[in-house]
N, C-alpha and C. Protein backbone atom coordinates (compact mmCIF):
# COMPACT_ATOMS: atom_id res chain seq x y z
N PRO A 1 111.80 107.93 105.32
CA PRO A 1 110.65 108.61 104.55
C PRO A 1 111.41 107.31 103.04
N PRO A 2 110.66 106.98 102.42
CA PRO A 2 111.39 105.29 101.12
C PRO A 2 112.12 106.19 100.84
N THR A 3 113.10 106.09 100.58
CA THR A 3 114.88 105.88 99.26
C THR A 3 113.71 105.80 98.01
N PRO A 4 113.88 106.75 96.64
CA PRO A 4 113.33 106.50 95.45
C PRO A 4 113.46 105.32 94.91
N PHE A 5 114.11 103.96 95.33
CA PHE A 5 113.61 102.89 94.41
C PHE A 5 112.36 102.11 95.31
N GLU A 6 112.77 102.15 96.55
CA GLU A 6 111.60 101.94 97.06
C GLU A 6 109.91 102.52 96.57
N LEU A 7 109.93 103.73 96.51
CA LEU A 7 109.22 104.31 95.57
C LEU A 7 108.45 104.04 94.02
N TYR A 8 109.97 103.27 93.76
CA TYR A 8 108.97 103.08 92.20
C TYR A 8 108.77 101.52 92.13
N LYS A 9 108.73 100.81 93.57
CA LYS A 9 109.05 99.64 94.22
C LYS A 9 107.60 99.68 94.33
N GLU A 10 107.17 100.32 94.75
CA GLU A 10 105.41 100.25 95.52
C GLU A 10 104.21 100.06 94.55
N GLU A 11 103.80 98.22 94.88
CA GLU A 11 103.00 97.90 93.95
C GLU A 11 101.60 98.37 93.99
N ASN A 12 101.66 99.61 95.18
CA ASN A 12 100.16 100.13 95.22
C ASN A 12 100.29 101.72 94.75
N ARG A 13 102.16 102.24 94.25
CA ARG A 13 101.77 103.00 93.24
C ARG A 13 101.31 103.24 92.34
N LEU A 14 100.23 104.55 91.94
CA LEU A 14 99.43 104.42 90.49
C LEU A 14 100.91 105.75 89.76
N TRP A 15 100.41 105.05 88.18
CA TRP A 15 101.76 105.77 86.96
C TRP A 15 100.82 106.34 86.29
N TYR A 16 100.95 107.12 85.36
CA TYR A 16 100.68 107.48 84.23
C TYR A 16 101.77 107.85 83.03
N TYR A 17 101.29 107.40 81.75
CA TYR A 17 102.71 107.28 81.03
C TYR A 17 101.80 107.83 80.10
N LEU A 18 102.96 108.44 78.98
CA LEU A 18 102.37 109.44 77.72
C LEU A 18 102.64 107.50 76.47
N ASP A 19 101.52 107.67 75.49
CA ASP A 19 101.55 106.46 74.71
C ASP A 19 102.59 106.67 73.58
N GLN A 20 102.60 105.86 72.69
CA GLN A 20 103.81 105.78 71.27
C GLN A 20 102.81 107.16 70.65
N LYS A 21 101.81 107.52 70.96
CA LYS A 21 100.91 108.75 70.45
C LYS A 21 101.12 110.38 70.90
N HIS A 22 101.60 110.21 71.93
CA HIS A 22 101.46 111.17 73.31
C HIS A 22 100.07 111.48 73.84
N GLN A 23 99.31 110.49 73.84
CA GLN A 23 98.24 110.09 74.65
C GLN A 23 98.17 110.00 75.93
N GLN A 24 97.86 110.38 77.71
CA GLN A 24 97.74 110.49 78.17
C GLN A 24 97.53 108.90 79.19
N MET A 25 97.57 108.14 79.65
CA MET A 25 97.26 107.20 79.44
C MET A 25 97.66 106.53 80.63
N GLY A 26 96.77 105.93 82.21
CA GLY A 26 96.53 105.10 83.12
C GLY A 26 95.68 105.88 83.99
N PRO A 27 95.65 105.38 85.21
CA PRO A 27 97.00 105.62 85.95
C PRO A 27 96.61 103.31 86.22
N VAL A 28 98.17 103.39 86.62
CA VAL A 28 98.62 101.71 85.76
C VAL A 28 99.65 101.28 87.04
N SER A 29 99.46 100.30 87.39
CA SER A 29 100.48 99.44 88.85
C SER A 29 101.90 99.72 88.10
N VAL A 30 102.97 99.77 89.00
CA VAL A 30 104.26 98.81 87.86
C VAL A 30 104.23 98.27 87.42
N ILE A 31 103.48 97.11 87.71
CA ILE A 31 103.37 95.86 87.32
C ILE A 31 102.86 95.72 86.09
N ALA A 32 102.25 96.65 85.86
CA ALA A 32 101.06 97.22 84.35
C ALA A 32 102.30 97.46 83.66
N LEU A 33 102.96 98.20 84.42
CA LEU A 33 104.26 99.90 83.77
C LEU A 33 105.29 98.34 83.24
N ARG A 34 105.49 97.51 83.98
CA ARG A 34 106.53 96.47 83.49
C ARG A 34 106.27 96.10 81.97
N GLU A 35 104.89 95.40 81.93
CA GLU A 35 104.32 94.57 81.15
C GLU A 35 104.52 95.60 80.13
N LEU A 36 103.98 96.97 79.96
CA LEU A 36 104.05 97.74 78.99
C LEU A 36 105.86 97.82 78.63
N TRP A 37 106.19 97.74 79.46
CA TRP A 37 107.70 97.62 79.07
C TRP A 37 108.33 96.23 78.10
N ASN A 38 107.97 94.86 78.70
CA ASN A 38 108.71 94.05 78.02
C ASN A 38 107.63 93.36 76.37
N ARG A 39 106.29 94.20 76.44
CA ARG A 39 105.88 93.92 75.56
C ARG A 39 106.56 95.41 74.24
N GLY A 40 107.00 96.18 74.78
CA GLY A 40 107.33 97.34 73.80
C GLY A 40 106.73 98.34 73.42
N LEU A 41 105.59 98.69 74.65
CA LEU A 41 105.02 99.38 74.47
C LEU A 41 105.76 100.71 75.66
N LEU A 42 106.75 100.08 76.47
CA LEU A 42 106.95 101.57 77.25
C LEU A 42 108.19 101.40 76.71
N GLU A 43 109.03 102.85 76.51
CA GLU A 43 110.85 102.74 75.72
C GLU A 43 111.01 103.63 76.52
N ILE A 44 112.02 103.65 76.30
CA ILE A 44 113.08 104.37 77.26
C ILE A 44 112.64 105.74 77.30
N ASN A 45 112.50 106.07 76.32
CA ASN A 45 112.11 107.96 75.87
C ASN A 45 110.87 107.92 76.14
N SER A 46 110.05 107.21 76.40
CA SER A 46 108.47 107.27 77.46
C SER A 46 109.12 108.21 78.65
N TYR A 47 107.42 108.85 78.85
CA TYR A 47 107.59 109.64 79.75
C TYR A 47 106.23 109.05 80.69
N VAL A 48 106.93 109.30 81.82
CA VAL A 48 106.05 108.56 83.08
C VAL A 48 105.80 110.10 84.42
N TRP A 49 104.82 110.18 84.71
CA TRP A 49 104.31 110.86 86.01
C TRP A 49 103.83 109.50 87.53
N SER A 50 104.22 110.16 88.46
CA SER A 50 103.72 109.89 89.64
C SER A 50 103.07 110.45 90.77
N GLU A 51 102.72 110.23 91.37
CA GLU A 51 101.77 111.31 92.90
C GLU A 51 103.76 111.86 93.22
N GLY A 52 104.09 113.23 93.79
CA GLY A 52 105.25 113.16 93.84
C GLY A 52 106.33 113.46 93.46
N MET A 53 106.23 113.43 92.23
CA MET A 53 107.40 114.15 90.89
C MET A 53 106.29 115.16 90.74
N GLU A 54 107.81 116.01 90.63
CA GLU A 54 108.04 117.44 89.85
C GLU A 54 107.21 117.80 88.74
N LYS A 55 106.58 116.88 87.81
CA LYS A 55 107.13 116.89 86.42
C LYS A 55 107.10 115.12 85.80
N TRP A 56 106.48 115.69 84.10
CA TRP A 56 106.91 114.32 83.71
C TRP A 56 108.35 113.76 82.88
N GLU A 57 108.70 112.60 83.03
CA GLU A 57 110.36 112.22 82.85
C GLU A 57 109.90 111.29 82.52
N LYS A 58 111.40 111.65 81.14
CA LYS A 58 111.32 109.66 79.83
C LYS A 58 112.05 108.95 81.77
N VAL A 59 111.60 107.42 80.95
CA VAL A 59 111.45 107.19 82.13
C VAL A 59 113.42 106.26 82.04
N ASP A 60 114.41 107.13 80.82
CA ASP A 60 115.39 106.98 81.02
C ASP A 60 115.96 107.67 81.76
N GLU A 61 115.32 108.73 82.64
CA GLU A 61 116.15 109.99 83.80
C GLU A 61 116.00 109.69 84.63
N LEU A 62 115.17 107.96 85.02
CA LEU A 62 115.19 107.54 85.75
C LEU A 62 115.23 105.70 86.54
N PRO A 63 117.27 105.84 86.86
CA PRO A 63 117.35 104.70 86.47
C PRO A 63 117.30 103.98 88.11
N GLU A 64 116.18 104.09 89.45
CA GLU A 64 116.00 103.80 89.49
C GLU A 64 114.22 102.82 89.25
N LEU A 65 113.75 103.76 87.94
CA LEU A 65 112.69 102.18 87.62
C LEU A 65 112.62 102.26 86.67
N LYS A 66 114.03 102.51 86.18
CA LYS A 66 114.37 101.68 84.86
C LYS A 66 114.98 100.27 85.46
N ALA A 67 115.63 99.70 86.92
CA ALA A 67 115.66 99.01 87.40
C ALA A 67 114.70 98.58 87.63
N VAL A 68 113.62 98.75 88.39
CA VAL A 68 112.92 98.27 88.49
C VAL A 68 111.84 97.41 87.49
N LEU A 69 112.59 98.26 86.08
CA LEU A 69 111.32 97.55 84.68
C LEU A 69 112.23 96.73 84.32
N ASN A 70 113.30 96.70 84.57
CA ASN A 70 114.19 95.30 83.88
C ASN A 70 114.34 94.11 84.76
N LYS A 71 113.68 94.70 85.63
CA LYS A 71 113.82 93.14 86.62
C LYS A 71 112.74 91.86 86.37
N ALA A 72 113.37 90.71 86.17
CA ALA A 72 112.51 89.57 86.15
C ALA A 72 111.51 89.68 86.82
N PRO A 73 109.37 89.22 86.58
CA PRO A 73 108.82 89.63 87.75
C PRO A 73 108.94 88.99 88.63
N ASP A 74 109.51 87.77 89.06
CA ASP A 74 109.75 86.42 90.13
C ASP A 74 110.59 87.36 91.00
N SER A 75 111.26 88.18 90.95
CA SER A 75 112.21 88.76 91.97
C SER A 75 112.28 89.75 92.48
């Protein structure tokens, strides 16, 4: 089975997130999540969910996702 880091890196994996008004948004790719992160629309305390997760979790509680979001787009 893939490691958690590999799951977060999957470009085809679809994500949902709660925007600043706590409205559910998505599905979006991890690339789109990174763009939202870079624009300040997705924050450390934003909730995200993807298939296979038991519940919505804050970005801060998902170190592997944080690492992917903080990566430069070309790496």
